Every structure is written in C-alpha cells, then in structure tokens.
C-alpha cells in the first residue's frame, strides 16, 4: 500500500494499492474502526485478484476530517 504515486513508480512493486490518505495513515482516520476494517478487507481482496505484475489499484476512499 502506498500514497505517493511517484515513489511507487520508482520502487516498482509487483502489485500496489494506492490510498488517498496522508503518510502514516494508510488505513484512514484514527478511531474510524469500521472504515479501517473495510480498507483492510479491500487490501486482502486485492491480493487475491491482482494477478498481473505491475498492477496498481486506487481505493476510492477520501479522508473525511
């Protein structure tokens, strides 16, 4: 998981999941347990379905605060 497309492009992970959250907050706002759980479940689902090397997906979640 990452939040900086430029850094991810340099690192070239085999598969990546991008989030639109600040550094250090890959799973969302502190205390928002339900949303954090959904993001973890989305990440686990992505591990199963991203089969093409170099695939980058972006989660649609937005920071609410």
PDB file of N, CA and C in Angstrom:
ATOM      1  N   UNK A   1       0.850  -1.170   0.000  1.00  0.00           N
ATOM      2  CA  UNK A   1       0.000   0.000   0.000  1.00  0.00           C
ATOM      3  C   UNK A   1       0.890   1.225   0.000  1.00  0.00           C
ATOM      4  N   UNK A   2       0.424   2.247  -0.684  1.00  0.00           N
ATOM      5  CA  UNK A   2       1.177   3.485  -0.744  1.00  0.00           C
ATOM      6  C   UNK A   2       0.261   4.661  -1.013  1.00  0.00           C
ATOM      7  N   UNK A   3       0.828   5.842  -0.830  1.00  0.00           N
ATOM      8  CA  UNK A   3       0.036   7.050  -1.065  1.00  0.00           C
ATOM      9  C   UNK A   3       0.747   8.060  -1.955  1.00  0.00           C
ATOM     10  N   UNK A   4       1.936   7.744  -2.411  1.00  0.00           N
ATOM     11  CA  UNK A   4       2.681   8.654  -3.273  1.00  0.00           C
ATOM     12  C   UNK A   4       2.989   7.955  -4.600  1.00  0.00           C
ATOM     13  N   UNK A   5       2.231   8.286  -5.654  1.00  0.00           N
ATOM     14  CA  UNK A   5       2.417   7.593  -6.938  1.00  0.00           C
ATOM     15  C   UNK A   5       3.834   7.697  -7.481  1.00  0.00           C
ATOM     16  N   UNK A   6       4.489   8.820  -7.278  1.00  0.00           N
ATOM     17  CA  UNK A   6       5.853   8.988  -7.789  1.00  0.00           C
ATOM     18  C   UNK A   6       6.810   8.014  -7.114  1.00  0.00           C
ATOM     19  N   UNK A   7       6.676   7.872  -5.814  1.00  0.00           N
ATOM     20  CA  UNK A   7       7.546   6.943  -5.078  1.00  0.00           C
ATOM     21  C   UNK A   7       7.244   5.508  -5.495  1.00  0.00           C
ATOM     22  N   UNK A   8       5.977   5.201  -5.647  1.00  0.00           N
ATOM     23  CA  UNK A   8       5.601   3.847  -6.055  1.00  0.00           C
ATOM     24  C   UNK A   8       6.149   3.535  -7.446  1.00  0.00           C
ATOM     25  N   UNK A   9       6.166   4.522  -8.335  1.00  0.00           N
ATOM     26  CA  UNK A   9       6.696   4.312  -9.687  1.00  0.00           C
ATOM     27  C   UNK A   9       8.193   4.015  -9.641  1.00  0.00           C
ATOM     28  N   UNK A  10       8.905   4.654  -8.723  1.00  0.00           N
ATOM     29  CA  UNK A  10      10.350   4.403  -8.596  1.00  0.00           C
ATOM     30  C   UNK A  10      10.632   3.027  -7.996  1.00  0.00           C
ATOM     31  N   UNK A  11       9.848   2.656  -7.009  1.00  0.00           N
ATOM     32  CA  UNK A  11      10.057   1.375  -6.326  1.00  0.00           C
ATOM     33  C   UNK A  11       9.643   0.202  -7.209  1.00  0.00           C
ATOM     34  N   UNK A  12       8.604   0.392  -8.005  1.00  0.00           N
ATOM     35  CA  UNK A  12       8.065  -0.627  -8.905  1.00  0.00           C
ATOM     36  C   UNK A  12       7.705  -1.925  -8.170  1.00  0.00           C
ATOM     37  N   UNK A  13       6.760  -1.832  -7.237  1.00  0.00           N
ATOM     38  CA  UNK A  13       6.347  -3.067  -6.558  1.00  0.00           C
ATOM     39  C   UNK A  13       5.622  -3.991  -7.541  1.00  0.00           C
ATOM     40  N   UNK A  14       5.617  -5.285  -7.277  1.00  0.00           N
ATOM     41  CA  UNK A  14       4.954  -6.202  -8.192  1.00  0.00           C
ATOM     42  C   UNK A  14       3.457  -5.895  -8.337  1.00  0.00           C
ATOM     43  N   UNK A  15       2.844  -5.437  -7.263  1.00  0.00           N
ATOM     44  CA  UNK A  15       1.453  -5.001  -7.258  1.00  0.00           C
ATOM     45  C   UNK A  15       1.323  -3.936  -6.180  1.00  0.00           C
ATOM     46  N   UNK A  16       0.427  -2.982  -6.394  1.00  0.00           N
ATOM     47  CA  UNK A  16       0.311  -1.901  -5.409  1.00  0.00           C
ATOM     48  C   UNK A  16      -1.136  -1.466  -5.261  1.00  0.00           C
ATOM     49  N   UNK A  17      -1.446  -1.023  -4.066  1.00  0.00           N
ATOM     50  CA  UNK A  17      -2.750  -0.486  -3.758  1.00  0.00           C
ATOM     51  C   UNK A  17      -2.533   0.925  -3.251  1.00  0.00           C
ATOM     52  N   UNK A  18      -3.094   1.902  -3.959  1.00  0.00           N
ATOM     53  CA  UNK A  18      -2.894   3.305  -3.605  1.00  0.00           C
ATOM     54  C   UNK A  18      -4.072   3.816  -2.795  1.00  0.00           C
ATOM     55  N   UNK A  19      -3.753   4.593  -1.768  1.00  0.00           N
ATOM     56  CA  UNK A  19      -4.765   5.233  -0.940  1.00  0.00           C
ATOM     57  C   UNK A  19      -4.537   6.740  -0.952  1.00  0.00           C
ATOM     58  N   UNK A  20      -5.605   7.495  -0.790  1.00  0.00           N
ATOM     59  CA  UNK A  20      -5.511   8.955  -0.824  1.00  0.00           C
ATOM     60  C   UNK A  20      -5.472   9.528   0.591  1.00  0.00           C
ATOM     61  N   UNK A  21      -4.647   8.932   1.428  1.00  0.00           N
ATOM     62  CA  UNK A  21      -4.506   9.388   2.804  1.00  0.00           C
ATOM     63  C   UNK A  21      -3.083   9.863   3.026  1.00  0.00           C
ATOM     64  N   UNK A  22      -2.895  10.621   4.080  1.00  0.00           N
ATOM     65  CA  UNK A  22      -1.574  11.139   4.410  1.00  0.00           C
ATOM     66  C   UNK A  22      -0.622  10.046   4.851  1.00  0.00           C
ATOM     67  N   UNK A  23       0.630  10.378   4.797  1.00  0.00           N
ATOM     68  CA  UNK A  23       1.682   9.446   5.201  1.00  0.00           C
ATOM     69  C   UNK A  23       1.453   8.975   6.638  1.00  0.00           C
ATOM     70  N   UNK A  24       1.568   7.682   6.826  1.00  0.00           N
ATOM     71  CA  UNK A  24       1.376   7.116   8.152  1.00  0.00           C
ATOM     72  C   UNK A  24      -0.065   6.797   8.497  1.00  0.00           C
ATOM     73  N   UNK A  25      -0.970   7.057   7.583  1.00  0.00           N
ATOM     74  CA  UNK A  25      -2.394   6.804   7.840  1.00  0.00           C
ATOM     75  C   UNK A  25      -2.988   5.964   6.709  1.00  0.00           C
ATOM     76  N   UNK A  26      -2.348   4.883   6.381  1.00  0.00           N
ATOM     77  CA  UNK A  26      -2.752   4.086   5.228  1.00  0.00           C
ATOM     78  C   UNK A  26      -4.149   3.489   5.358  1.00  0.00           C
ATOM     79  N   UNK A  27      -4.644   3.384   6.575  1.00  0.00           N
ATOM     80  CA  UNK A  27      -5.950   2.758   6.768  1.00  0.00           C
ATOM     81  C   UNK A  27      -7.024   3.746   7.193  1.00  0.00           C
ATOM     82  N   UNK A  28      -6.743   5.040   7.074  1.00  0.00           N
ATOM     83  CA  UNK A  28      -7.767   6.037   7.338  1.00  0.00           C
ATOM     84  C   UNK A  28      -7.636   6.754   8.663  1.00  0.00           C
ATOM     85  N   UNK A  29      -8.692   7.451   8.997  1.00  0.00           N
ATOM     86  CA  UNK A  29      -8.709   8.308  10.170  1.00  0.00           C
ATOM     87  C   UNK A  29      -8.593   7.508  11.463  1.00  0.00           C
ATOM     88  N   UNK A  30      -7.855   8.038  12.427  1.00  0.00           N
ATOM     89  CA  UNK A  30      -7.759   7.373  13.731  1.00  0.00           C
ATOM     90  C   UNK A  30      -9.153   7.228  14.352  1.00  0.00           C
ATOM     91  N   UNK A  31      -9.408   6.077  14.914  1.00  0.00           N
ATOM     92  CA  UNK A  31     -10.668   5.840  15.597  1.00  0.00           C
ATOM     93  C   UNK A  31     -11.822   5.399  14.715  1.00  0.00           C
ATOM     94  N   UNK A  32     -11.652   5.432  13.407  1.00  0.00           N
ATOM     95  CA  UNK A  32     -12.722   5.032  12.499  1.00  0.00           C
ATOM     96  C   UNK A  32     -12.552   3.538  12.181  1.00  0.00           C
ATOM     97  N   UNK A  33     -12.900   2.716  13.161  1.00  0.00           N
ATOM     98  CA  UNK A  33     -12.633   1.280  13.096  1.00  0.00           C
ATOM     99  C   UNK A  33     -13.351   0.615  11.927  1.00  0.00           C
ATOM    100  N   UNK A  34     -14.599   0.965  11.698  1.00  0.00           N
ATOM    101  CA  UNK A  34     -15.357   0.333  10.613  1.00  0.00           C
ATOM    102  C   UNK A  34     -14.704   0.591   9.253  1.00  0.00           C
ATOM    103  N   UNK A  35     -14.308   1.819   9.009  1.00  0.00           N
ATOM    104  CA  UNK A  35     -13.663   2.147   7.730  1.00  0.00           C
ATOM    105  C   UNK A  35     -12.310   1.458   7.615  1.00  0.00           C
ATOM    106  N   UNK A  36     -11.556   1.440   8.682  1.00  0.00           N
ATOM    107  CA  UNK A  36     -10.263   0.776   8.668  1.00  0.00           C
ATOM    108  C   UNK A  36     -10.430  -0.707   8.343  1.00  0.00           C
ATOM    109  N   UNK A  37     -11.454  -1.315   8.911  1.00  0.00           N
ATOM    110  CA  UNK A  37     -11.729  -2.720   8.638  1.00  0.00           C
ATOM    111  C   UNK A  37     -12.067  -2.927   7.157  1.00  0.00           C
ATOM    112  N   UNK A  38     -12.866  -2.031   6.577  1.00  0.00           N
ATOM    113  CA  UNK A  38     -13.209  -2.144   5.150  1.00  0.00           C
ATOM    114  C   UNK A  38     -11.965  -2.017   4.278  1.00  0.00           C
ATOM    115  N   UNK A  39     -11.066  -1.107   4.636  1.00  0.00           N
ATOM    116  CA  UNK A  39      -9.842  -0.917   3.856  1.00  0.00           C
ATOM    117  C   UNK A  39      -8.957  -2.156   3.930  1.00  0.00           C
ATOM    118  N   UNK A  40      -8.844  -2.736   5.107  1.00  0.00           N
ATOM    119  CA  UNK A  40      -8.067  -3.975   5.247  1.00  0.00           C
ATOM    120  C   UNK A  40      -8.685  -5.085   4.399  1.00  0.00           C
ATOM    121  N   UNK A  41     -10.006  -5.200   4.424  1.00  0.00           N
ATOM    122  CA  UNK A  41     -10.677  -6.225   3.622  1.00  0.00           C
ATOM    123  C   UNK A  41     -10.466  -5.969   2.123  1.00  0.00           C
ATOM    124  N   UNK A  42     -10.522  -4.696   1.704  1.00  0.00           N
ATOM    125  CA  UNK A  42     -10.248  -4.362   0.301  1.00  0.00           C
ATOM    126  C   UNK A  42      -8.821  -4.740  -0.080  1.00  0.00           C
ATOM    127  N   UNK A  43      -7.884  -4.506   0.830  1.00  0.00           N
ATOM    128  CA  UNK A  43      -6.489  -4.842   0.551  1.00  0.00           C
ATOM    129  C   UNK A  43      -6.309  -6.351   0.419  1.00  0.00           C
ATOM    130  N   UNK A  44      -6.947  -7.117   1.281  1.00  0.00           N
ATOM    131  CA  UNK A  44      -6.852  -8.576   1.194  1.00  0.00           C
ATOM    132  C   UNK A  44      -7.489  -9.097  -0.091  1.00  0.00           C
ATOM    133  N   UNK A  45      -8.616  -8.498  -0.485  1.00  0.00           N
ATOM    134  CA  UNK A  45      -9.262  -8.881  -1.735  1.00  0.00           C
ATOM    135  C   UNK A  45      -8.352  -8.575  -2.920  1.00  0.00           C
ATOM    136  N   UNK A  46      -7.668  -7.433  -2.871  1.00  0.00           N
ATOM    137  CA  UNK A  46      -6.757  -7.047  -3.949  1.00  0.00           C
ATOM    138  C   UNK A  46      -5.615  -8.055  -4.089  1.00  0.00           C
ATOM    139  N   UNK A  47      -5.127  -8.577  -2.960  1.00  0.00           N
ATOM    140  CA  UNK A  47      -4.065  -9.584  -3.012  1.00  0.00           C
ATOM    141  C   UNK A  47      -4.501 -10.810  -3.795  1.00  0.00           C
ATOM    142  N   UNK A  48      -5.768 -11.130  -3.725  1.00  0.00           N
ATOM    143  CA  UNK A  48      -6.279 -12.314  -4.414  1.00  0.00           C
ATOM    144  C   UNK A  48      -6.570 -12.066  -5.891  1.00  0.00           C
ATOM    145  N   UNK A  49      -6.888 -10.828  -6.253  1.00  0.00           N
ATOM    146  CA  UNK A  49      -7.367 -10.571  -7.612  1.00  0.00           C
ATOM    147  C   UNK A  49      -6.367  -9.852  -8.524  1.00  0.00           C
ATOM    148  N   UNK A  50      -5.362  -9.219  -7.973  1.00  0.00           N
ATOM    149  CA  UNK A  50      -4.366  -8.541  -8.816  1.00  0.00           C
ATOM    150  C   UNK A  50      -3.322  -9.575  -9.227  1.00  0.00           C
ATOM    151  N   UNK A  51      -3.473 -10.123 -10.405  1.00  0.00           N
ATOM    152  CA  UNK A  51      -2.596 -11.206 -10.843  1.00  0.00           C
ATOM    153  C   UNK A  51      -1.556 -10.754 -11.871  1.00  0.00           C
ATOM    154  N   UNK A  52      -1.737  -9.590 -12.460  1.00  0.00           N
ATOM    155  CA  UNK A  52      -0.805  -9.095 -13.466  1.00  0.00           C
ATOM    156  C   UNK A  52       0.280  -8.252 -12.787  1.00  0.00           C
ATOM    157  N   UNK A  53       1.552  -8.618 -12.935  1.00  0.00           N
ATOM    158  CA  UNK A  53       2.623  -7.832 -12.339  1.00  0.00           C
ATOM    159  C   UNK A  53       2.561  -6.370 -12.786  1.00  0.00           C
ATOM    160  N   UNK A  54       2.816  -5.482 -11.852  1.00  0.00           N
ATOM    161  CA  UNK A  54       2.807  -4.056 -12.148  1.00  0.00           C
ATOM    162  C   UNK A  54       1.448  -3.393 -11.965  1.00  0.00           C
ATOM    163  N   UNK A  55       0.436  -4.177 -11.596  1.00  0.00           N
ATOM    164  CA  UNK A  55      -0.905  -3.623 -11.397  1.00  0.00           C
ATOM    165  C   UNK A  55      -0.910  -2.654 -10.223  1.00  0.00           C
ATOM    166  N   UNK A  56      -1.531  -1.508 -10.433  1.00  0.00           N
ATOM    167  CA  UNK A  56      -1.725  -0.527  -9.362  1.00  0.00           C
ATOM    168  C   UNK A  56      -3.212  -0.200  -9.311  1.00  0.00           C
ATOM    169  N   UNK A  57      -3.805  -0.388  -8.159  1.00  0.00           N
ATOM    170  CA  UNK A  57      -5.207  -0.026  -7.953  1.00  0.00           C
ATOM    171  C   UNK A  57      -5.272   1.127  -6.976  1.00  0.00           C
ATOM    172  N   UNK A  58      -6.310   1.917  -7.132  1.00  0.00           N
ATOM    173  CA  UNK A  58      -6.513   3.035  -6.212  1.00  0.00           C
ATOM    174  C   UNK A  58      -7.841   2.843  -5.498  1.00  0.00           C
ATOM    175  N   UNK A  59      -7.794   2.916  -4.181  1.00  0.00           N
ATOM    176  CA  UNK A  59      -9.030   2.844  -3.416  1.00  0.00           C
ATOM    177  C   UNK A  59      -9.740   4.187  -3.481  1.00  0.00           C
ATOM    178  N   UNK A  60     -11.047   4.162  -3.500  1.00  0.00           N
ATOM    179  CA  UNK A  60     -11.820   5.388  -3.679  1.00  0.00           C
ATOM    180  C   UNK A  60     -12.100   6.143  -2.399  1.00  0.00           C
ATOM    181  N   UNK A  61     -11.611   5.674  -1.284  1.00  0.00           N
ATOM    182  CA  UNK A  61     -11.872   6.338  -0.008  1.00  0.00           C
ATOM    183  C   UNK A  61     -11.225   7.721   0.037  1.00  0.00           C
ATOM    184  N   UNK A  62     -11.922   8.663   0.680  1.00  0.00           N
ATOM    185  CA  UNK A  62     -11.406  10.036   0.861  1.00  0.00           C
ATOM    186  C   UNK A  62     -11.271  10.316   2.354  1.00  0.00           C
ATOM    187  N   UNK A  63     -10.273  11.084   2.701  1.00  0.00           N
ATOM    188  CA  UNK A  63     -10.085  11.493   4.095  1.00  0.00           C
ATOM    189  C   UNK A  63     -11.246  12.400   4.480  1.00  0.00           C
ATOM    190  N   UNK A  64     -11.883  12.136   5.590  1.00  0.00           N
ATOM    191  CA  UNK A  64     -13.088  12.873   5.980  1.00  0.00           C
ATOM    192  C   UNK A  64     -12.829  14.072   6.875  1.00  0.00           C
ATOM    193  N   UNK A  65     -11.731  14.100   7.576  1.00  0.00           N
ATOM    194  CA  UNK A  65     -11.502  15.188   8.545  1.00  0.00           C
ATOM    195  C   UNK A  65     -10.835  16.362   7.917  1.00  0.00           C
TER     196      UNK A  65
END
